């Protein structure tokens, strides 16, 4: 079973980015940064999602992110599926912090239950098949709209969404060109997927 061990974000100033992520979320080795000046504009085709246990944890993490220089794209609020908000890091990476719960069930914490990499792809069915051919197993699939892969025990989960839907959910335009500025570290080997996302051996 494929394991995704870490995500590497490519940034222009690794020292500043590492400091802002530590202050905002404190994710340890799950998310790393490295220097890159690869040109990129607009939506980079992915969203990092932090799944937490209750609304107060959403508020806590978004609060420290804003204090660390992140920008609010969607203020945290209730919806039919739960409670969450979206922020953008100074390096341009979009982060969603959400819970399926609408009410707090205990004291506020800063515990992250799941880190999910959501890739916004041009053709969900084609990208799904490309990953299945690479040995990944599907855990949830909603036709051509959304796919989750089974990565038990992995620090990072993987999901696919249509590019336009992913951008809309994040509160940004789907337009964008150039590098994704992200590398997925796993035991699946080194390759580039149909949408140009780079995988590296962790």
Foldseek 3Di string as FASTA:
>chain_A
DKAFAAKEFEFQDQVLQVVLCCQQQNPPRRYHYDYDPWDKDFALFKAKEFEDAADLLQVRNVVSNVVSPWAWLFDWDADPQEIWGWIAHPRGHIYIYTYSHHHDPDDHDNDTPAIEMEGADQWQVQLVVQVVVLVWAWDDDDDRAKTWTDNPPHRYTYMYGHLCVRQVVNNTHSDMDTHSRMETEICSDWDATPRGHTYHHD
